C-alpha atoms as a PDB file:
ATOM      1  CA  MET A   1     -31.782  18.394  17.796  1.00  0.00           C
ATOM      2  CA  THR A   2     -28.696  18.869  20.014  1.00  0.00           C
ATOM      3  CA  LYS A   3     -25.627  20.947  18.865  1.00  0.00           C
ATOM      4  CA  ALA A   4     -23.665  17.575  18.524  1.00  0.00           C
ATOM      5  CA  ALA A   5     -26.403  16.071  16.258  1.00  0.00           C
ATOM      6  CA  GLY A   6     -26.532  18.923  13.919  1.00  0.00           C
ATOM      7  CA  VAL A   7     -22.644  18.980  13.589  1.00  0.00           C
ATOM      8  CA  PHE A   8     -22.755  15.149  12.981  1.00  0.00           C
ATOM      9  CA  TRP A   9     -25.327  15.471  10.155  1.00  0.00           C
ATOM     10  CA  LEU A  10     -23.482  18.428   8.665  1.00  0.00           C
ATOM     11  CA  TYR A  11     -20.421  16.256   8.664  1.00  0.00           C
ATOM     12  CA  ALA A  12     -22.311  13.544   7.082  1.00  0.00           C
ATOM     13  CA  LEU A  13     -23.458  15.702   4.384  1.00  0.00           C
ATOM     14  CA  LEU A  14     -19.899  16.778   3.602  1.00  0.00           C
ATOM     15  CA  ALA A  15     -18.806  13.366   3.737  1.00  0.00           C
ATOM     16  CA  LEU A  16     -21.452  12.206   1.205  1.00  0.00           C
ATOM     17  CA  LEU A  17     -20.479  15.116  -1.123  1.00  0.00           C
ATOM     18  CA  GLY A  18     -16.964  14.034  -0.834  1.00  0.00           C
ATOM     19  CA  ALA A  19     -17.855  10.460  -1.577  1.00  0.00           C
ATOM     20  CA  GLY A  20     -19.720  11.638  -4.631  1.00  0.00           C
ATOM     21  CA  VAL A  21     -16.953  13.697  -5.981  1.00  0.00           C
ATOM     22  CA  THR A  22     -14.816  10.825  -5.342  1.00  0.00           C
ATOM     23  CA  ALA A  23     -16.835   8.448  -7.233  1.00  0.00           C
ATOM     24  CA  LEU A  24     -17.017  11.162  -9.963  1.00  0.00           C
ATOM     25  CA  ALA A  25     -13.111  11.441 -10.081  1.00  0.00           C
ATOM     26  CA  LEU A  26     -12.864   7.613 -10.077  1.00  0.00           C
ATOM     27  CA  VAL A  27     -15.295   7.429 -13.113  1.00  0.00           C
ATOM     28  CA  ALA A  28     -13.332  10.242 -14.916  1.00  0.00           C
ATOM     29  CA  GLY A  29     -10.051   8.547 -14.163  1.00  0.00           C
ATOM     30  CA  ALA A  30     -11.164   5.271 -15.415  1.00  0.00           C
ATOM     31  CA  THR A  31     -12.765   6.304 -18.613  1.00  0.00           C
ATOM     32  CA  ASN A  32      -9.692   8.241 -19.669  1.00  0.00           C
ATOM     33  CA  VAL A  33      -7.121   5.550 -18.881  1.00  0.00           C
ATOM     34  CA  ARG A  34      -6.598   2.568 -21.140  1.00  0.00           C
ATOM     35  CA  LEU A  35      -5.153  -0.464 -19.664  1.00  0.00           C
ATOM     36  CA  GLY A  36      -4.734  -2.467 -22.871  1.00  0.00           C
ATOM     37  CA  VAL A  37      -1.178  -3.874 -23.684  1.00  0.00           C
ATOM     38  CA  PRO A  38       0.580  -1.603 -26.240  1.00  0.00           C
ATOM     39  CA  SER A  39       2.145  -3.169 -29.255  1.00  0.00           C
ATOM     40  CA  ALA A  40       5.619  -3.990 -29.287  1.00  0.00           C
ATOM     41  CA  GLY A  41       6.494  -1.226 -31.741  1.00  0.00           C
ATOM     42  CA  ALA A  42       4.987   1.309 -29.185  1.00  0.00           C
ATOM     43  CA  LEU A  43       6.995  -0.053 -26.200  1.00  0.00           C
ATOM     44  CA  ILE A  44      10.209   0.203 -28.425  1.00  0.00           C
ATOM     45  CA  ALA A  45       9.417   3.590 -29.334  1.00  0.00           C
ATOM     46  CA  ALA A  46       8.802   4.692 -25.768  1.00  0.00           C
ATOM     47  CA  CYS A  47      11.953   3.132 -24.517  1.00  0.00           C
ATOM     48  CA  GLN A  48      14.156   4.751 -27.498  1.00  0.00           C
ATOM     49  CA  THR A  49      12.875   8.081 -26.796  1.00  0.00           C
ATOM     50  CA  PHE A  50      12.620   8.087 -22.946  1.00  0.00           C
ATOM     51  CA  ALA A  51       9.509  10.190 -23.433  1.00  0.00           C
ATOM     52  CA  LEU A  52       6.208  10.035 -21.465  1.00  0.00           C
ATOM     53  CA  PRO A  53       3.646   8.876 -24.167  1.00  0.00           C
ATOM     54  CA  GLU A  54       0.348  10.285 -24.615  1.00  0.00           C
ATOM     55  CA  LEU A  55       0.887  12.524 -21.686  1.00  0.00           C
ATOM     56  CA  THR A  56      -1.609  15.491 -22.248  1.00  0.00           C
ATOM     57  CA  LEU A  57      -3.174  17.854 -19.744  1.00  0.00           C
ATOM     58  CA  THR A  58      -6.377  15.794 -19.857  1.00  0.00           C
ATOM     59  CA  SER A  59      -4.701  12.435 -19.344  1.00  0.00           C
ATOM     60  CA  ALA A  60      -2.579  13.774 -16.476  1.00  0.00           C
ATOM     61  CA  LEU A  61      -5.750  15.272 -14.774  1.00  0.00           C
ATOM     62  CA  ALA A  62      -7.362  11.847 -15.363  1.00  0.00           C
ATOM     63  CA  LEU A  63      -4.397   9.981 -13.803  1.00  0.00           C
ATOM     64  CA  ALA A  64      -4.421  12.542 -10.812  1.00  0.00           C
ATOM     65  CA  LEU A  65      -8.179  12.021 -10.165  1.00  0.00           C
ATOM     66  CA  GLY A  66      -8.182   8.291 -10.571  1.00  0.00           C
ATOM     67  CA  SER A  67      -5.211   8.033  -8.234  1.00  0.00           C
ATOM     68  CA  GLY A  68      -6.613  10.512  -5.559  1.00  0.00           C
ATOM     69  CA  ALA A  69     -10.012   8.435  -5.781  1.00  0.00           C
ATOM     70  CA  PHE A  70      -8.122   5.382  -5.183  1.00  0.00           C
ATOM     71  CA  ALA A  71      -6.309   6.754  -2.350  1.00  0.00           C
ATOM     72  CA  VAL A  72      -9.565   7.918  -0.628  1.00  0.00           C
ATOM     73  CA  LEU A  73     -10.874   4.350  -0.913  1.00  0.00           C
ATOM     74  CA  LEU A  74      -7.436   2.906   0.821  1.00  0.00           C
ATOM     75  CA  LEU A  75      -7.393   5.544   3.476  1.00  0.00           C
ATOM     76  CA  ALA A  76     -11.143   5.047   4.325  1.00  0.00           C
ATOM     77  CA  GLY A  77     -10.588   1.180   4.638  1.00  0.00           C
ATOM     78  CA  ARG A  78      -7.435   1.465   6.438  1.00  0.00           C
ATOM     79  CA  SER A  79      -8.929   4.036   8.980  1.00  0.00           C
ATOM     80  CA  VAL A  80     -12.157   1.537   9.569  1.00  0.00           C
ATOM     81  CA  VAL A  81      -9.756  -1.399   9.980  1.00  0.00           C
ATOM     82  CA  ARG A  82      -7.385   0.429  12.411  1.00  0.00           C
ATOM     83  CA  GLN A  83     -10.305   1.753  14.440  1.00  0.00           C
ATOM     84  CA  LEU A  84     -12.238  -1.524  14.568  1.00  0.00           C
ATOM     85  CA  SER A  85      -8.954  -3.475  15.561  1.00  0.00           C
ATOM     86  CA  ALA A  86      -7.990  -1.023  18.215  1.00  0.00           C
ATOM     87  CA  SER A  87     -11.604  -1.088  19.728  1.00  0.00           C
ATOM     88  CA  ARG A  88     -11.769  -4.887  19.678  1.00  0.00           C
ATOM     89  CA  ARG A  89      -8.118  -5.268  21.236  1.00  0.00           C
ATOM     90  CA  PHE A  90      -9.236  -2.837  24.030  1.00  0.00           C
ATOM     91  CA  VAL A  91     -12.570  -4.542  24.882  1.00  0.00           C
ATOM     92  CA  ALA A  92     -10.844  -8.096  24.606  1.00  0.00           C
ATOM     93  CA  SER A  93      -8.154  -6.987  27.007  1.00  0.00           C
ATOM     94  CA  LEU A  94     -10.773  -6.256  29.637  1.00  0.00           C
ATOM     95  CA  ALA A  95     -11.428  -8.824  32.527  1.00  0.00           C
ATOM     96  CA  VAL A  96     -15.053  -8.817  32.221  1.00  0.00           C
ATOM     97  CA  VAL A  97     -16.728 -10.181  35.274  1.00  0.00           C
ATOM     98  CA  GLY A  98     -20.293 -10.554  33.732  1.00  0.00           C
ATOM     99  CA  PRO A  99     -23.538  -8.360  33.308  1.00  0.00           C
ATOM    100  CA  ALA A 100     -23.681  -5.727  35.800  1.00  0.00           C
ATOM    101  CA  PRO A 101     -26.396  -6.007  38.622  1.00  0.00           C
ATOM    102  CA  PHE A 102     -27.208  -2.311  37.945  1.00  0.00           C
ATOM    103  CA  GLY A 103     -27.776   0.111  35.283  1.00  0.00           C
ATOM    104  CA  PRO A 104     -29.515  -0.327  31.940  1.00  0.00           C
ATOM    105  CA  PRO A 105     -29.482  -3.355  29.890  1.00  0.00           C
ATOM    106  CA  HIS A 106     -26.345  -4.501  28.131  1.00  0.00           C
ATOM    107  CA  THR A 107     -24.176  -3.019  31.089  1.00  0.00           C
ATOM    108  CA  PHE A 108     -21.275  -5.112  31.814  1.00  0.00           C
ATOM    109  CA  LEU A 109     -18.786  -5.220  34.870  1.00  0.00           C
ATOM    110  CA  PHE A 110     -15.024  -5.736  34.413  1.00  0.00           C
ATOM    111  CA  ALA A 111     -12.159  -6.071  36.959  1.00  0.00           C
ATOM    112  CA  ASP A 112     -10.265  -2.790  37.275  1.00  0.00           C
ATOM    113  CA  ASP A 113      -9.265  -0.960  40.491  1.00  0.00           C
ATOM    114  CA  ALA A 114      -9.358   2.334  38.498  1.00  0.00           C
ATOM    115  CA  PRO A 115     -12.762   4.032  38.055  1.00  0.00           C
ATOM    116  CA  ASN A 116     -13.564   3.505  34.476  1.00  0.00           C
ATOM    117  CA  ALA A 117     -16.897   3.506  32.408  1.00  0.00           C
ATOM    118  CA  PHE A 118     -17.311   3.780  28.710  1.00  0.00           C
ATOM    119  CA  CYS A 119     -19.578   2.792  25.720  1.00  0.00           C
ATOM    120  CA  ALA A 120     -18.423   0.351  23.139  1.00  0.00           C
ATOM    121  CA  GLY A 121     -20.080  -1.388  20.004  1.00  0.00           C
ATOM    122  CA  LEU A 122     -21.301  -0.260  16.795  1.00  0.00           C
ATOM    123  CA  LEU A 123     -24.465  -1.934  15.797  1.00  0.00           C
ATOM    124  CA  ARG A 124     -25.260  -3.069  19.564  1.00  0.00           C
ATOM    125  CA  PRO A 125     -23.536  -0.679  21.934  1.00  0.00           C
ATOM    126  CA  ARG A 126     -22.753  -1.787  25.347  1.00  0.00           C
ATOM    127  CA  ILE A 127     -21.786  -0.119  28.527  1.00  0.00           C
ATOM    128  CA  PHE A 128     -18.818  -1.056  30.608  1.00  0.00           C
ATOM    129  CA  VAL A 129     -18.219  -0.188  34.194  1.00  0.00           C
ATOM    130  CA  SER A 130     -15.165  -1.088  36.277  1.00  0.00           C
ATOM    131  CA  THR A 131     -15.280  -2.436  39.646  1.00  0.00           C
ATOM    132  CA  GLY A 132     -13.206   0.516  40.906  1.00  0.00           C
ATOM    133  CA  THR A 133     -16.047   2.755  39.762  1.00  0.00           C
ATOM    134  CA  LEU A 134     -18.250   1.128  42.460  1.00  0.00           C
ATOM    135  CA  ALA A 135     -15.644   1.799  45.124  1.00  0.00           C
ATOM    136  CA  ALA A 136     -15.130   5.347  44.041  1.00  0.00           C
ATOM    137  CA  LEU A 137     -18.434   6.800  43.352  1.00  0.00           C
ATOM    138  CA  GLY A 138     -21.615   7.236  45.270  1.00  0.00           C
ATOM    139  CA  GLU A 139     -25.071   6.179  44.193  1.00  0.00           C
ATOM    140  CA  GLY A 140     -25.896   9.544  42.714  1.00  0.00           C
ATOM    141  CA  GLN A 141     -22.607   9.743  40.889  1.00  0.00           C
ATOM    142  CA  LEU A 142     -22.947   6.178  39.650  1.00  0.00           C
ATOM    143  CA  HIS A 143     -26.411   6.926  38.406  1.00  0.00           C
ATOM    144  CA  ALA A 144     -24.946  10.149  36.487  1.00  0.00           C
ATOM    145  CA  VAL A 145     -22.253   8.108  34.953  1.00  0.00           C
ATOM    146  CA  LEU A 146     -24.587   5.448  33.699  1.00  0.00           C
ATOM    147  CA  ALA A 147     -26.934   8.000  32.211  1.00  0.00           C
ATOM    148  CA  HIS A 148     -24.090   9.504  30.396  1.00  0.00           C
ATOM    149  CA  GLU A 149     -22.974   6.163  28.821  1.00  0.00           C
ATOM    150  CA  GLN A 150     -26.590   5.311  28.028  1.00  0.00           C
ATOM    151  CA  HIS A 151     -27.028   8.334  26.019  1.00  0.00           C
ATOM    152  CA  HIS A 152     -23.932   7.413  23.877  1.00  0.00           C
ATOM    153  CA  ALA A 153     -25.520   3.841  23.438  1.00  0.00           C
ATOM    154  CA  ARG A 154     -28.880   5.295  22.337  1.00  0.00           C
ATOM    155  CA  ALA A 155     -27.127   7.799  19.928  1.00  0.00           C
ATOM    156  CA  ARG A 156     -24.759   4.983  18.755  1.00  0.00           C
ATOM    157  CA  ASP A 157     -22.085   7.319  19.260  1.00  0.00           C
ATOM    158  CA  PRO A 158     -19.328   4.761  18.726  1.00  0.00           C
ATOM    159  CA  LEU A 159     -20.393   4.127  15.219  1.00  0.00           C
ATOM    160  CA  ARG A 160     -20.836   7.710  14.442  1.00  0.00           C
ATOM    161  CA  LEU A 161     -17.251   8.535  15.730  1.00  0.00           C
ATOM    162  CA  LEU A 162     -15.981   5.642  13.704  1.00  0.00           C
ATOM    163  CA  LEU A 163     -17.396   6.897  10.517  1.00  0.00           C
ATOM    164  CA  ALA A 164     -16.708  10.577  11.242  1.00  0.00           C
ATOM    165  CA  ARG A 165     -12.954   9.690  11.801  1.00  0.00           C
ATOM    166  CA  ALA A 166     -12.964   7.350   8.729  1.00  0.00           C
ATOM    167  CA  ALA A 167     -14.300  10.164   6.513  1.00  0.00           C
ATOM    168  CA  GLY A 168     -11.792  12.660   8.082  1.00  0.00           C
ATOM    169  CA  ASP A 169      -8.995  10.220   7.267  1.00  0.00           C
ATOM    170  CA  ALA A 170     -10.043   9.652   3.707  1.00  0.00           C
ATOM    171  CA  LEU A 171     -11.232  12.804   2.435  1.00  0.00           C
ATOM    172  CA  PHE A 172      -7.738  14.260   2.982  1.00  0.00           C
ATOM    173  CA  PHE A 173      -8.416  16.906   0.212  1.00  0.00           C
ATOM    174  CA  LEU A 174     -11.372  18.680   2.153  1.00  0.00           C
ATOM    175  CA  PRO A 175     -10.003  21.289   4.674  1.00  0.00           C
ATOM    176  CA  GLY A 176     -10.929  20.838   8.275  1.00  0.00           C
ATOM    177  CA  MET A 177     -12.667  17.345   8.044  1.00  0.00           C
ATOM    178  CA  ARG A 178     -10.447  15.963  10.855  1.00  0.00           C
ATOM    179  CA  ALA A 179     -10.943  18.847  13.194  1.00  0.00           C
ATOM    180  CA  LEU A 180     -14.649  18.655  12.482  1.00  0.00           C
ATOM    181  CA  ALA A 181     -14.814  15.123  13.366  1.00  0.00           C
ATOM    182  CA  GLU A 182     -12.871  15.686  16.604  1.00  0.00           C
ATOM    183  CA  ARG A 183     -15.082  18.687  17.571  1.00  0.00           C
ATOM    184  CA  TYR A 184     -18.157  16.369  17.167  1.00  0.00           C
ATOM    185  CA  ALA A 185     -16.517  14.039  19.372  1.00  0.00           C
ATOM    186  CA  ALA A 186     -16.301  16.798  22.089  1.00  0.00           C
ATOM    187  CA  LEU A 187     -19.779  17.944  21.580  1.00  0.00           C
ATOM    188  CA  ALA A 188     -21.123  14.345  21.755  1.00  0.00           C
ATOM    189  CA  GLU A 189     -19.746  14.340  25.319  1.00  0.00           C
ATOM    190  CA  VAL A 190     -21.415  17.581  26.120  1.00  0.00           C
ATOM    191  CA  ALA A 191     -24.742  16.126  24.797  1.00  0.00           C
ATOM    192  CA  ALA A 192     -24.119  13.067  27.000  1.00  0.00           C
ATOM    193  CA  ASP A 193     -23.430  15.153  29.949  1.00  0.00           C
ATOM    194  CA  GLY A 194     -26.659  17.129  29.414  1.00  0.00           C
ATOM    195  CA  ALA A 195     -28.515  13.800  29.339  1.00  0.00           C
ATOM    196  CA  ALA A 196     -26.912  12.859  32.544  1.00  0.00           C
ATOM    197  CA  VAL A 197     -27.760  16.098  34.358  1.00  0.00           C
ATOM    198  CA  GLU A 198     -31.480  15.800  33.075  1.00  0.00           C
ATOM    199  CA  ALA A 199     -31.695  12.343  34.428  1.00  0.00           C
ATOM    200  CA  SER A 200     -30.270  13.325  37.678  1.00  0.00           C
ATOM    201  CA  GLY A 201     -33.166  15.812  38.144  1.00  0.00           C
ATOM    202  CA  GLY A 202     -30.800  18.943  37.341  1.00  0.00           C
ATOM    203  CA  ASP A 203     -28.195  17.859  39.692  1.00  0.00           C
ATOM    204  CA  ARG A 204     -24.749  18.875  38.137  1.00  0.00           C
ATOM    205  CA  ARG A 205     -22.645  18.294  41.150  1.00  0.00           C
ATOM    206  CA  SER A 206     -22.866  14.405  40.934  1.00  0.00           C
ATOM    207  CA  LEU A 207     -21.610  14.284  37.323  1.00  0.00           C
ATOM    208  CA  ALA A 208     -18.994  16.752  38.205  1.00  0.00           C
ATOM    209  CA  ALA A 209     -17.725  14.761  41.004  1.00  0.00           C
ATOM    210  CA  ALA A 210     -17.721  11.575  39.000  1.00  0.00           C
ATOM    211  CA  LEU A 211     -15.646  13.268  36.177  1.00  0.00           C
ATOM    212  CA  LEU A 212     -12.996  14.232  38.727  1.00  0.00           C
ATOM    213  CA  ALA A 213     -12.840  10.675  40.036  1.00  0.00           C
ATOM    214  CA  PHE A 214     -12.216   9.295  36.520  1.00  0.00           C
ATOM    215  CA  ASP A 215      -8.799   9.150  34.899  1.00  0.00           C
ATOM    216  CA  SER A 216      -9.738   9.591  31.193  1.00  0.00           C
ATOM    217  CA  ALA A 217      -6.146   9.468  29.862  1.00  0.00           C
ATOM    218  CA  ALA A 218      -6.252   5.605  30.734  1.00  0.00           C
ATOM    219  CA  ILE A 219      -8.996   5.208  28.013  1.00  0.00           C
ATOM    220  CA  PRO A 220      -8.167   6.062  24.493  1.00  0.00           C
ATOM    221  CA  ALA A 221     -11.838   6.113  23.471  1.00  0.00           C
ATOM    222  CA  VAL A 222     -12.797   8.824  25.981  1.00  0.00           C
ATOM    223  CA  VAL A 223     -12.470  12.432  24.854  1.00  0.00           C
ATOM    224  CA  GLY A 224     -11.919  13.708  28.553  1.00  0.00           C
ATOM    225  CA  ILE A 225     -12.969  16.826  30.241  1.00  0.00           C
ATOM    226  CA  ALA A 226     -12.987  19.341  27.428  1.00  0.00           C
ATOM    227  CA  PRO A 227     -13.576  23.039  28.029  1.00  0.00           C
ATOM    228  CA  GLU A 228     -17.133  22.709  26.497  1.00  0.00           C
ATOM    229  CA  ARG A 229     -17.965  20.145  29.285  1.00  0.00           C
ATOM    230  CA  VAL A 230     -16.881  22.197  32.095  1.00  0.00           C
ATOM    231  CA  ASP A 231     -18.661  25.205  30.664  1.00  0.00           C
ATOM    232  CA  THR A 232     -21.840  23.197  30.501  1.00  0.00           C
ATOM    233  CA  LEU A 233     -21.535  21.837  33.955  1.00  0.00           C
ATOM    234  CA  LEU A 234     -21.059  25.466  35.368  1.00  0.00           C
ATOM    235  CA  GLY A 235     -24.176  26.194  33.656  1.00  0.00           C
ATOM    236  CA  ASP A 236     -22.651  28.561  31.040  1.00  0.00           C
ATOM    237  CA  ARG A 237     -23.254  28.237  27.101  1.00  0.00           C
ATOM    238  CA  PRO A 238     -20.172  26.455  25.538  1.00  0.00           C
ATOM    239  CA  ALA A 239     -18.052  29.060  23.670  1.00  0.00           C
ATOM    240  CA  TRP A 240     -17.685  27.533  20.375  1.00  0.00           C
ATOM    241  CA  GLN A 241     -17.956  29.163  17.007  1.00  0.00           C
ATOM    242  CA  PHE A 242     -19.261  27.310  14.056  1.00  0.00           C
ATOM    243  CA  PRO A 243     -16.524  26.795  11.648  1.00  0.00           C
ATOM    244  CA  LEU A 244     -18.120  28.563   8.729  1.00  0.00           C
ATOM    245  CA  ALA A 245     -14.780  29.594   7.044  1.00  0.00           C
ATOM    246  CA  LEU A 246     -13.779  25.614   7.092  1.00  0.00           C
ATOM    247  CA  ILE A 247     -17.289  24.723   5.600  1.00  0.00           C
ATOM    248  CA  GLY A 248     -17.090  27.304   2.957  1.00  0.00           C
ATOM    249  CA  ALA A 249     -13.505  26.103   1.996  1.00  0.00           C
ATOM    250  CA  ALA A 250     -14.765  22.437   1.959  1.00  0.00           C
ATOM    251  CA  LEU A 251     -17.537  23.388  -0.396  1.00  0.00           C
ATOM    252  CA  VAL A 252     -15.376  25.313  -2.740  1.00  0.00           C
ATOM    253  CA  THR A 253     -12.939  22.355  -2.955  1.00  0.00           C
ATOM    254  CA  LEU A 254     -15.750  19.867  -3.562  1.00  0.00           C
ATOM    255  CA  THR A 255     -17.115  22.225  -6.357  1.00  0.00           C
ATOM    256  CA  ALA A 256     -13.599  22.703  -8.004  1.00  0.00           C
ATOM    257  CA  VAL A 257     -12.834  18.855  -7.995  1.00  0.00           C
ATOM    258  CA  GLY A 258     -16.308  18.079  -9.357  1.00  0.00           C
ATOM    259  CA  VAL A 259     -15.882  20.624 -12.252  1.00  0.00           C
ATOM    260  CA  VAL A 260     -12.623  19.145 -13.183  1.00  0.00           C
ATOM    261  CA  ALA A 261     -13.754  15.742 -12.984  1.00  0.00           C
ATOM    262  CA  LEU A 262     -16.824  16.490 -15.178  1.00  0.00           C
ATOM    263  CA  ARG A 263     -14.473  18.226 -17.727  1.00  0.00           C
ATOM    264  CA  VAL A 264     -12.106  15.278 -17.792  1.00  0.00           C
ATOM    265  CA  ALA A 265     -15.112  12.784 -18.100  1.00  0.00           C
ATOM    266  CA  GLU A 266     -16.361  14.798 -21.061  1.00  0.00           C
ATOM    267  CA  ALA A 267     -12.927  14.531 -22.876  1.00  0.00           C
ATOM    268  CA  SER A 268     -12.649  12.568 -25.959  1.00  0.00           C
ATOM    269  CA  ALA A 269     -11.747   8.857 -25.681  1.00  0.00           C
ATOM    270  CA  HIS A 270      -8.914   9.464 -28.089  1.00  0.00           C
ATOM    271  CA  ASN A 271      -7.115  11.451 -25.595  1.00  0.00           C
ATOM    272  CA  ALA A 272      -7.116   8.655 -23.167  1.00  0.00           C
ATOM    273  CA  LEU A 273      -3.782   7.663 -21.565  1.00  0.00           C
ATOM    274  CA  ASN A 274      -2.590   4.054 -22.127  1.00  0.00           C
ATOM    275  CA  LEU A 275      -1.313   3.335 -18.760  1.00  0.00           C
ATOM    276  CA  PRO A 276       1.225   0.360 -19.548  1.00  0.00           C
ATOM    277  CA  LEU A 277       2.801   2.563 -22.278  1.00  0.00           C
ATOM    278  CA  PHE A 278       2.973   5.504 -19.888  1.00  0.00           C
ATOM    279  CA  LEU A 279       4.564   3.358 -17.275  1.00  0.00           C
ATOM    280  CA  ALA A 280       7.187   1.684 -19.743  1.00  0.00           C
ATOM    281  CA  GLY A 281       8.200   5.400 -20.714  1.00  0.00           C
ATOM    282  CA  ALA A 282       8.346   6.453 -17.099  1.00  0.00           C
ATOM    283  CA  CYS A 283      10.274   3.350 -16.225  1.00  0.00           C
ATOM    284  CA  MET A 284      12.836   3.810 -19.021  1.00  0.00           C
ATOM    285  CA  PHE A 285      13.101   7.575 -18.119  1.00  0.00           C
ATOM    286  CA  ALA A 286      13.970   6.490 -14.413  1.00  0.00           C
ATOM    287  CA  MET A 287      16.498   3.966 -15.654  1.00  0.00           C
ATOM    288  CA  ALA A 288      18.499   6.730 -17.608  1.00  0.00           C
ATOM    289  CA  VAL A 289      18.158   9.286 -14.781  1.00  0.00           C
ATOM    290  CA  VAL A 290      18.762   7.175 -11.723  1.00  0.00           C
ATOM    291  CA  PRO A 291      22.283   6.195 -12.722  1.00  0.00           C
ATOM    292  CA  LEU A 292      23.222   9.745 -13.514  1.00  0.00           C
ATOM    293  CA  LEU A 293      22.007  10.881  -9.807  1.00  0.00           C
ATOM    294  CA  VAL A 294      23.749   7.909  -8.277  1.00  0.00           C
ATOM    295  CA  GLY A 295      26.923   9.056 -10.144  1.00  0.00           C
ATOM    296  CA  ALA A 296      26.585  12.597  -9.189  1.00  0.00           C
ATOM    297  CA  ALA A 297      26.145  11.643  -5.432  1.00  0.00           C
ATOM    298  CA  ALA A 298      29.121   9.374  -5.621  1.00  0.00           C
ATOM    299  CA  LEU A 299      31.270  12.262  -6.985  1.00  0.00           C
ATOM    300  CA  VAL A 300      29.943  14.647  -4.311  1.00  0.00           C
ATOM    301  CA  GLY A 301      30.585  12.020  -1.612  1.00  0.00           C
ATOM    302  CA  SER A 302      34.072  11.211  -2.797  1.00  0.00           C
ATOM    303  CA  GLY A 303      34.988  14.926  -2.884  1.00  0.00           C
ATOM    304  CA  ARG A 304      33.728  15.215   0.794  1.00  0.00           C
ATOM    305  CA  LEU A 305      35.822  12.132   1.677  1.00  0.00           C
ATOM    306  CA  ALA A 306      38.842  13.580  -0.004  1.00  0.00           C
ATOM    307  CA  ARG A 307      38.275  17.003   1.815  1.00  0.00           C
ATOM    308  CA  LEU A 308      38.081  15.120   5.069  1.00  0.00           C
ATOM    309  CA  ALA A 309      41.170  13.070   4.325  1.00  0.00           C
ATOM    310  CA  GLY A 310      43.152  16.208   3.451  1.00  0.00           C
ATOM    311  CA  ARG A 311      42.216  17.859   6.918  1.00  0.00           C
ATOM    312  CA  ARG A 312      43.573  15.038   8.714  1.00  0.00           C
END
């Protein structure tokens, strides 16, 4: 198993634990929040007192857990939609000539004077190579580039990266998830470079020359020439420390949230928060406070205007 694969499965384990804790928080929030319409008397009482009814520590935690779990679901969905839309727009913008007369199956040639090559597609990854690549690279260099992209396709790296980045965006409460996702992206490139060198019979120069010919900044999906890739091509071991502190912090956070969710789920149903009644009280409280804030702001603003007028 490569280092990139190990990091991915560790990341997947953390993401699954995070999803489990999120589901537990969602259940705890749902079982301790009532959505039933309160009586007219209860609404009138809430409006008259401007209080936040039934807001106990348990109900407040339940509301926070439910809101957090709902936010995780929304962020995950938004991240997946954004990534899919960006990838589809990018592939649709290519002037695809047709299947390439070289390389592995599902390799396509597109018209572009710049040397570009990448792998795209989730369930059926495809390799795209620009016409400029043919003009800029020699046979050995092109072979190394195709072996690099073929490794991405075999490992389904586009799908893995999408899932890793979606989990990093969604599980905002876990420290280091986004950084670990980007680290996996860099290590996936190192693993693909290793596969390309192996396919070239141990020749590192062909891949190194090809990397110098590519303008990675022109392709958003490409990680680029990271330090780990340079170290690997030079024959050195990548200087990368495993983020034990981040993993430990994530596990502690998961444990803490899980314990709170379990305690809230065990709370009595009599302490459940009536959400409509809570919102009614909060709304009336805001209606009473907002005019006071607006009035105070108006007084402060008028005082400043008076001082400015006096200076003139």
